[in-house]
């Protein structure tokens, strides 16, 4: 190999080495960016997981409150049914009283004893 060929070969190797170094720097930058993005993704996932835990707690609390509401509503319905029964009894007794008074008046007594 001549001196000129040796010089060209060395120049080629140096250019390749320089290109390799540039490419390696780019790869390092990309890896650094990916590492930062990965860390941010992990932070975001942790936040989402925390939010999910809090949301589960809220849903459980709402379910308990709904159960309490259902219980109170059932109690209220039972009290309403009891009131309805009492009102029906009162209506029956009031109707009976009205009938007695109407009969008493229609017989012409108007509060006087029958002679």
N, C-alpha and C. Protein backbone atom coordinates (compact mmCIF):
# COMPACT_ATOMS: atom_id res chain seq x y z
N UNK A 1 0.85 -1.15 0.00
CA UNK A 1 0.00 0.00 0.00
C UNK A 1 0.91 1.23 0.00
N UNK A 2 0.53 2.15 -0.86
CA UNK A 2 1.35 3.35 -0.99
C UNK A 2 1.01 4.33 0.12
N UNK A 3 1.82 5.29 0.26
CA UNK A 3 1.63 6.30 1.29
C UNK A 3 0.35 7.08 1.05
N UNK A 4 0.05 7.35 -0.20
CA UNK A 4 -1.18 8.07 -0.55
C UNK A 4 -2.41 7.22 -0.22
N UNK A 5 -2.38 5.95 -0.53
CA UNK A 5 -3.49 5.06 -0.22
C UNK A 5 -3.67 4.94 1.30
N UNK A 6 -2.56 4.88 2.01
CA UNK A 6 -2.59 4.79 3.46
C UNK A 6 -3.22 6.06 4.02
N UNK A 7 -2.85 7.21 3.45
CA UNK A 7 -3.40 8.49 3.89
C UNK A 7 -4.91 8.54 3.64
N UNK A 8 -5.37 8.09 2.49
CA UNK A 8 -6.79 8.06 2.16
C UNK A 8 -7.54 7.13 3.11
N UNK A 9 -6.97 5.99 3.39
CA UNK A 9 -7.60 5.03 4.28
C UNK A 9 -7.73 5.61 5.69
N UNK A 10 -6.69 6.25 6.14
CA UNK A 10 -6.71 6.86 7.47
C UNK A 10 -7.74 8.00 7.51
N UNK A 11 -7.80 8.77 6.43
CA UNK A 11 -8.78 9.86 6.36
C UNK A 11 -10.21 9.28 6.40
N UNK A 12 -10.42 8.22 5.66
CA UNK A 12 -11.73 7.56 5.64
C UNK A 12 -12.10 7.06 7.05
N UNK A 13 -11.15 6.43 7.70
CA UNK A 13 -11.39 5.90 9.05
C UNK A 13 -11.69 7.05 10.02
N UNK A 14 -10.95 8.15 9.90
CA UNK A 14 -11.20 9.31 10.77
C UNK A 14 -12.58 9.91 10.52
N UNK A 15 -13.01 10.00 9.26
CA UNK A 15 -14.33 10.51 8.94
C UNK A 15 -15.42 9.58 9.49
N UNK A 16 -15.20 8.29 9.34
CA UNK A 16 -16.16 7.32 9.88
C UNK A 16 -16.22 7.41 11.40
N UNK A 17 -15.06 7.58 12.02
CA UNK A 17 -15.00 7.70 13.47
C UNK A 17 -15.75 8.96 13.93
N UNK A 18 -15.57 10.05 13.19
CA UNK A 18 -16.25 11.31 13.53
C UNK A 18 -17.76 11.14 13.36
N UNK A 19 -18.18 10.51 12.29
CA UNK A 19 -19.61 10.28 12.06
C UNK A 19 -20.18 9.37 13.14
N UNK A 20 -19.41 8.38 13.51
CA UNK A 20 -19.84 7.47 14.57
C UNK A 20 -20.01 8.23 15.89
N UNK A 21 -19.09 9.13 16.19
CA UNK A 21 -19.16 9.92 17.41
C UNK A 21 -20.40 10.83 17.40
N UNK A 22 -20.67 11.45 16.24
CA UNK A 22 -21.86 12.30 16.12
C UNK A 22 -23.12 11.46 16.32
N UNK A 23 -23.19 10.31 15.67
CA UNK A 23 -24.35 9.43 15.82
C UNK A 23 -24.52 8.97 17.27
N UNK A 24 -23.39 8.67 17.92
CA UNK A 24 -23.43 8.23 19.31
C UNK A 24 -23.96 9.36 20.21
N UNK A 25 -23.54 10.58 19.96
CA UNK A 25 -24.05 11.73 20.72
C UNK A 25 -25.56 11.89 20.52
N UNK A 26 -26.02 11.75 19.29
CA UNK A 26 -27.45 11.83 19.01
C UNK A 26 -28.22 10.75 19.77
N UNK A 27 -27.67 9.54 19.74
CA UNK A 27 -28.31 8.44 20.46
C UNK A 27 -28.38 8.72 21.95
N UNK A 28 -27.30 9.27 22.51
CA UNK A 28 -27.29 9.62 23.94
C UNK A 28 -28.38 10.66 24.24
N UNK A 29 -28.50 11.66 23.38
CA UNK A 29 -29.53 12.69 23.56
C UNK A 29 -30.93 12.06 23.50
N UNK A 30 -31.11 11.17 22.53
CA UNK A 30 -32.42 10.50 22.42
C UNK A 30 -32.72 9.64 23.64
N UNK A 31 -31.72 8.93 24.13
CA UNK A 31 -31.90 8.11 25.31
C UNK A 31 -32.22 8.98 26.52
N UNK A 32 -31.53 10.12 26.64
CA UNK A 32 -31.82 11.05 27.74
C UNK A 32 -33.26 11.56 27.64
N UNK A 33 -33.70 11.93 26.46
CA UNK A 33 -35.07 12.40 26.28
C UNK A 33 -36.08 11.31 26.60
N UNK A 34 -35.78 10.09 26.14
CA UNK A 34 -36.68 8.97 26.45
C UNK A 34 -36.72 8.68 27.95
N UNK A 35 -35.57 8.80 28.60
CA UNK A 35 -35.53 8.58 30.05
C UNK A 35 -36.37 9.62 30.78
N UNK A 36 -36.26 10.89 30.36
CA UNK A 36 -37.08 11.95 30.97
C UNK A 36 -38.56 11.68 30.72
N UNK A 37 -38.89 11.32 29.50
CA UNK A 37 -40.29 11.03 29.17
C UNK A 37 -40.80 9.84 29.98
N UNK A 38 -39.95 8.83 30.16
CA UNK A 38 -40.33 7.66 30.94
C UNK A 38 -40.58 8.04 32.40
N UNK A 39 -39.71 8.88 32.96
CA UNK A 39 -39.91 9.32 34.35
C UNK A 39 -41.22 10.10 34.48
N UNK A 40 -41.50 10.97 33.51
CA UNK A 40 -42.74 11.75 33.55
C UNK A 40 -43.95 10.83 33.42
N UNK A 41 -43.84 9.82 32.56
CA UNK A 41 -44.93 8.85 32.41
C UNK A 41 -45.16 8.10 33.71
N UNK A 42 -44.10 7.72 34.39
CA UNK A 42 -44.24 7.02 35.67
C UNK A 42 -44.91 7.92 36.70
N UNK A 43 -44.54 9.20 36.71
CA UNK A 43 -45.17 10.16 37.63
C UNK A 43 -46.67 10.27 37.32
N UNK A 44 -46.97 10.39 36.03
CA UNK A 44 -48.38 10.51 35.63
C UNK A 44 -49.17 9.26 36.00
N UNK A 45 -48.59 8.10 35.79
CA UNK A 45 -49.28 6.85 36.13
C UNK A 45 -49.50 6.77 37.64
N UNK A 46 -48.51 7.21 38.42
CA UNK A 46 -48.68 7.21 39.88
C UNK A 46 -49.81 8.16 40.28
N UNK A 47 -49.89 9.32 39.63
CA UNK A 47 -50.97 10.26 39.92
C UNK A 47 -52.33 9.65 39.56
N UNK A 48 -52.38 9.00 38.42
CA UNK A 48 -53.63 8.36 37.99
C UNK A 48 -54.03 7.27 38.98
N UNK A 49 -53.05 6.49 39.43
CA UNK A 49 -53.33 5.43 40.40
C UNK A 49 -53.85 6.02 41.70
N UNK A 50 -53.23 7.12 42.16
CA UNK A 50 -53.72 7.78 43.37
C UNK A 50 -55.14 8.30 43.17
N UNK A 51 -55.38 8.88 42.02
CA UNK A 51 -56.73 9.37 41.71
C UNK A 51 -57.73 8.24 41.70
N UNK A 52 -57.33 7.10 41.17
CA UNK A 52 -58.23 5.95 41.12
C UNK A 52 -58.54 5.46 42.53
N UNK A 53 -57.54 5.46 43.40
CA UNK A 53 -57.77 5.05 44.79
C UNK A 53 -58.76 6.00 45.45
N UNK A 54 -58.53 7.31 45.26
CA UNK A 54 -59.45 8.30 45.85
C UNK A 54 -60.85 8.14 45.27
N UNK A 55 -60.93 7.90 43.97
CA UNK A 55 -62.23 7.73 43.33
C UNK A 55 -62.94 6.49 43.88
N UNK A 56 -62.20 5.44 44.10
CA UNK A 56 -62.79 4.23 44.68
C UNK A 56 -63.33 4.51 46.08
N UNK A 57 -62.59 5.31 46.85
CA UNK A 57 -63.05 5.67 48.19
C UNK A 57 -64.33 6.50 48.11
N UNK A 58 -64.38 7.42 47.17
CA UNK A 58 -65.57 8.26 47.00
C UNK A 58 -66.77 7.40 46.59
N UNK A 59 -66.55 6.48 45.67
CA UNK A 59 -67.63 5.61 45.21
C UNK A 59 -68.13 4.74 46.37
N UNK A 60 -67.20 4.24 47.17
CA UNK A 60 -67.61 3.43 48.33
C UNK A 60 -68.42 4.27 49.31
N UNK A 61 -67.99 5.51 49.52
CA UNK A 61 -68.72 6.41 50.40
C UNK A 61 -70.12 6.70 49.84
N UNK A 62 -70.20 6.92 48.55
CA UNK A 62 -71.50 7.15 47.92
C UNK A 62 -72.39 5.92 48.03
N UNK A 63 -71.80 4.75 47.88
CA UNK A 63 -72.59 3.51 48.01
C UNK A 63 -73.14 3.39 49.43
N UNK A 64 -72.32 3.72 50.42
CA UNK A 64 -72.80 3.69 51.81
C UNK A 64 -73.93 4.69 52.01
N UNK A 65 -73.74 5.89 51.48
CA UNK A 65 -74.77 6.92 51.61
C UNK A 65 -76.06 6.49 50.92
N UNK A 66 -75.92 5.85 49.77
CA UNK A 66 -77.10 5.38 49.04
C UNK A 66 -77.82 4.30 49.84
N UNK A 67 -77.06 3.42 50.46
CA UNK A 67 -77.67 2.37 51.29
C UNK A 67 -78.42 3.00 52.46
N UNK A 68 -77.81 4.02 53.07
CA UNK A 68 -78.47 4.73 54.16
C UNK A 68 -79.75 5.40 53.68
N UNK A 69 -79.68 6.02 52.50
CA UNK A 69 -80.86 6.65 51.91
C UNK A 69 -81.95 5.61 51.65
N UNK A 70 -81.57 4.47 51.13
CA UNK A 70 -82.55 3.40 50.87
C UNK A 70 -83.22 2.95 52.17
N UNK A 71 -82.43 2.81 53.23
CA UNK A 71 -82.98 2.41 54.52
C UNK A 71 -83.96 3.46 55.03
N UNK A 72 -83.56 4.72 54.97
CA UNK A 72 -84.43 5.80 55.44
C UNK A 72 -85.69 5.89 54.58
N UNK A 73 -85.55 5.68 53.29
CA UNK A 73 -86.71 5.73 52.40
C UNK A 73 -87.69 4.59 52.72
N UNK A 74 -87.16 3.42 53.02
CA UNK A 74 -88.02 2.29 53.40
C UNK A 74 -88.75 2.60 54.71
N UNK A 75 -88.02 3.21 55.66
CA UNK A 75 -88.66 3.59 56.92
C UNK A 75 -89.75 4.63 56.68
N UNK A 76 -89.47 5.58 55.81
CA UNK A 76 -90.45 6.62 55.49
C UNK A 76 -91.68 6.02 54.81
N UNK A 77 -91.46 5.08 53.91
CA UNK A 77 -92.57 4.42 53.23
C UNK A 77 -93.44 3.66 54.24
N UNK A 78 -92.80 3.00 55.19
CA UNK A 78 -93.55 2.28 56.22
C UNK A 78 -94.34 3.25 57.08
N UNK A 79 -93.73 4.37 57.45
CA UNK A 79 -94.44 5.38 58.25
C UNK A 79 -95.60 5.95 57.45
N UNK A 80 -95.41 6.16 56.16
CA UNK A 80 -96.48 6.68 55.31
C UNK A 80 -97.62 5.67 55.23
N UNK A 81 -97.30 4.41 55.11
CA UNK A 81 -98.33 3.37 55.06
C UNK A 81 -99.11 3.35 56.38
N UNK A 82 -98.39 3.50 57.48
CA UNK A 82 -99.05 3.54 58.79
C UNK A 82 -99.98 4.75 58.87
N UNK A 83 -99.51 5.89 58.41
CA UNK A 83 -100.33 7.11 58.40
C UNK A 83 -101.56 6.92 57.52
N UNK A 84 -101.36 6.31 56.37
CA UNK A 84 -102.49 6.05 55.46
C UNK A 84 -103.54 5.16 56.14
N UNK A 85 -103.07 4.13 56.87
CA UNK A 85 -104.01 3.25 57.57
C UNK A 85 -104.77 4.03 58.64
N UNK A 86 -104.06 4.86 59.39
CA UNK A 86 -104.70 5.65 60.44
C UNK A 86 -105.69 6.65 59.83
N UNK A 87 -105.34 7.27 58.71
CA UNK A 87 -106.25 8.19 58.05
C UNK A 87 -107.50 7.48 57.56
N UNK A 88 -107.33 6.28 57.04
CA UNK A 88 -108.48 5.51 56.58
C UNK A 88 -109.41 5.19 57.76
N UNK A 89 -108.83 4.82 58.89
CA UNK A 89 -109.64 4.55 60.08
C UNK A 89 -110.36 5.82 60.53
N UNK A 90 -109.64 6.94 60.53
CA UNK A 90 -110.24 8.21 60.93
C UNK A 90 -111.34 8.61 59.98
N UNK A 91 -111.12 8.41 58.67
CA UNK A 91 -112.16 8.71 57.69
C UNK A 91 -113.41 7.87 57.94
N UNK A 92 -113.22 6.58 58.23
CA UNK A 92 -114.36 5.70 58.51
C UNK A 92 -115.12 6.19 59.73
N UNK A 93 -114.41 6.56 60.78
CA UNK A 93 -115.06 7.03 62.00
C UNK A 93 -115.75 8.37 61.77
N UNK A 94 -115.11 9.24 61.00
CA UNK A 94 -115.71 10.53 60.69
C UNK A 94 -116.97 10.35 59.85
N UNK A 95 -116.92 9.45 58.88
CA UNK A 95 -118.11 9.17 58.06
C UNK A 95 -119.24 8.62 58.92
N UNK A 96 -118.90 7.77 59.85
CA UNK A 96 -119.92 7.23 60.76
C UNK A 96 -120.57 8.35 61.57
N UNK A 97 -119.74 9.26 62.09
CA UNK A 97 -120.26 10.40 62.86
C UNK A 97 -121.13 11.29 61.99
N UNK A 98 -120.68 11.55 60.77
CA UNK A 98 -121.47 12.38 59.84
C UNK A 98 -122.82 11.72 59.58
N UNK A 99 -122.81 10.41 59.36
CA UNK A 99 -124.07 9.68 59.12
C UNK A 99 -125.01 9.78 60.31
N UNK A 100 -124.48 9.66 61.52
CA UNK A 100 -125.31 9.76 62.72
C UNK A 100 -125.91 11.16 62.83
N UNK A 101 -125.08 12.18 62.62
CA UNK A 101 -125.56 13.56 62.72
C UNK A 101 -126.59 13.84 61.63
N UNK A 102 -126.33 13.41 60.42
CA UNK A 102 -127.29 13.63 59.32
C UNK A 102 -128.61 12.92 59.61
N UNK A 103 -128.53 11.71 60.10
CA UNK A 103 -129.74 10.97 60.42
C UNK A 103 -130.49 11.68 61.55
N UNK A 104 -129.78 12.14 62.52
CA UNK A 104 -130.38 12.82 63.65
C UNK A 104 -131.11 14.08 63.19
N UNK A 105 -130.44 14.84 62.28
CA UNK A 105 -131.06 16.06 61.77
C UNK A 105 -132.21 15.73 60.84
N UNK A 106 -132.03 14.75 59.98
CA UNK A 106 -133.09 14.43 58.99
C UNK A 106 -134.32 13.86 59.66
N UNK A 107 -134.22 13.31 60.81
CA UNK A 107 -135.39 12.79 61.52
C UNK A 107 -136.16 13.92 62.19
N UNK A 108 -135.65 15.12 62.06
CA UNK A 108 -136.36 16.29 62.53
C UNK A 108 -136.21 16.56 63.99
N UNK A 109 -135.31 15.98 64.61
CA UNK A 109 -135.19 16.20 66.06
C UNK A 109 -134.50 17.52 66.34
N UNK A 110 -133.49 17.87 65.58
CA UNK A 110 -132.73 19.10 65.78
C UNK A 110 -132.29 19.25 67.23
N UNK A 111 -131.87 18.21 67.80
CA UNK A 111 -131.36 18.25 69.16
C UNK A 111 -132.41 18.03 70.22
N UNK A 112 -133.66 17.83 69.84
CA UNK A 112 -134.72 17.60 70.82
C UNK A 112 -135.00 16.09 70.91
N UNK A 113 -135.37 15.67 72.06
CA UNK A 113 -135.71 14.25 72.18
C UNK A 113 -136.99 13.95 71.43
N UNK A 114 -137.11 12.75 70.99
CA UNK A 114 -138.28 12.32 70.22
C UNK A 114 -139.45 12.14 71.17
N UNK A 115 -140.63 12.63 70.76
CA UNK A 115 -141.78 12.50 71.64
C UNK A 115 -142.73 11.44 71.19
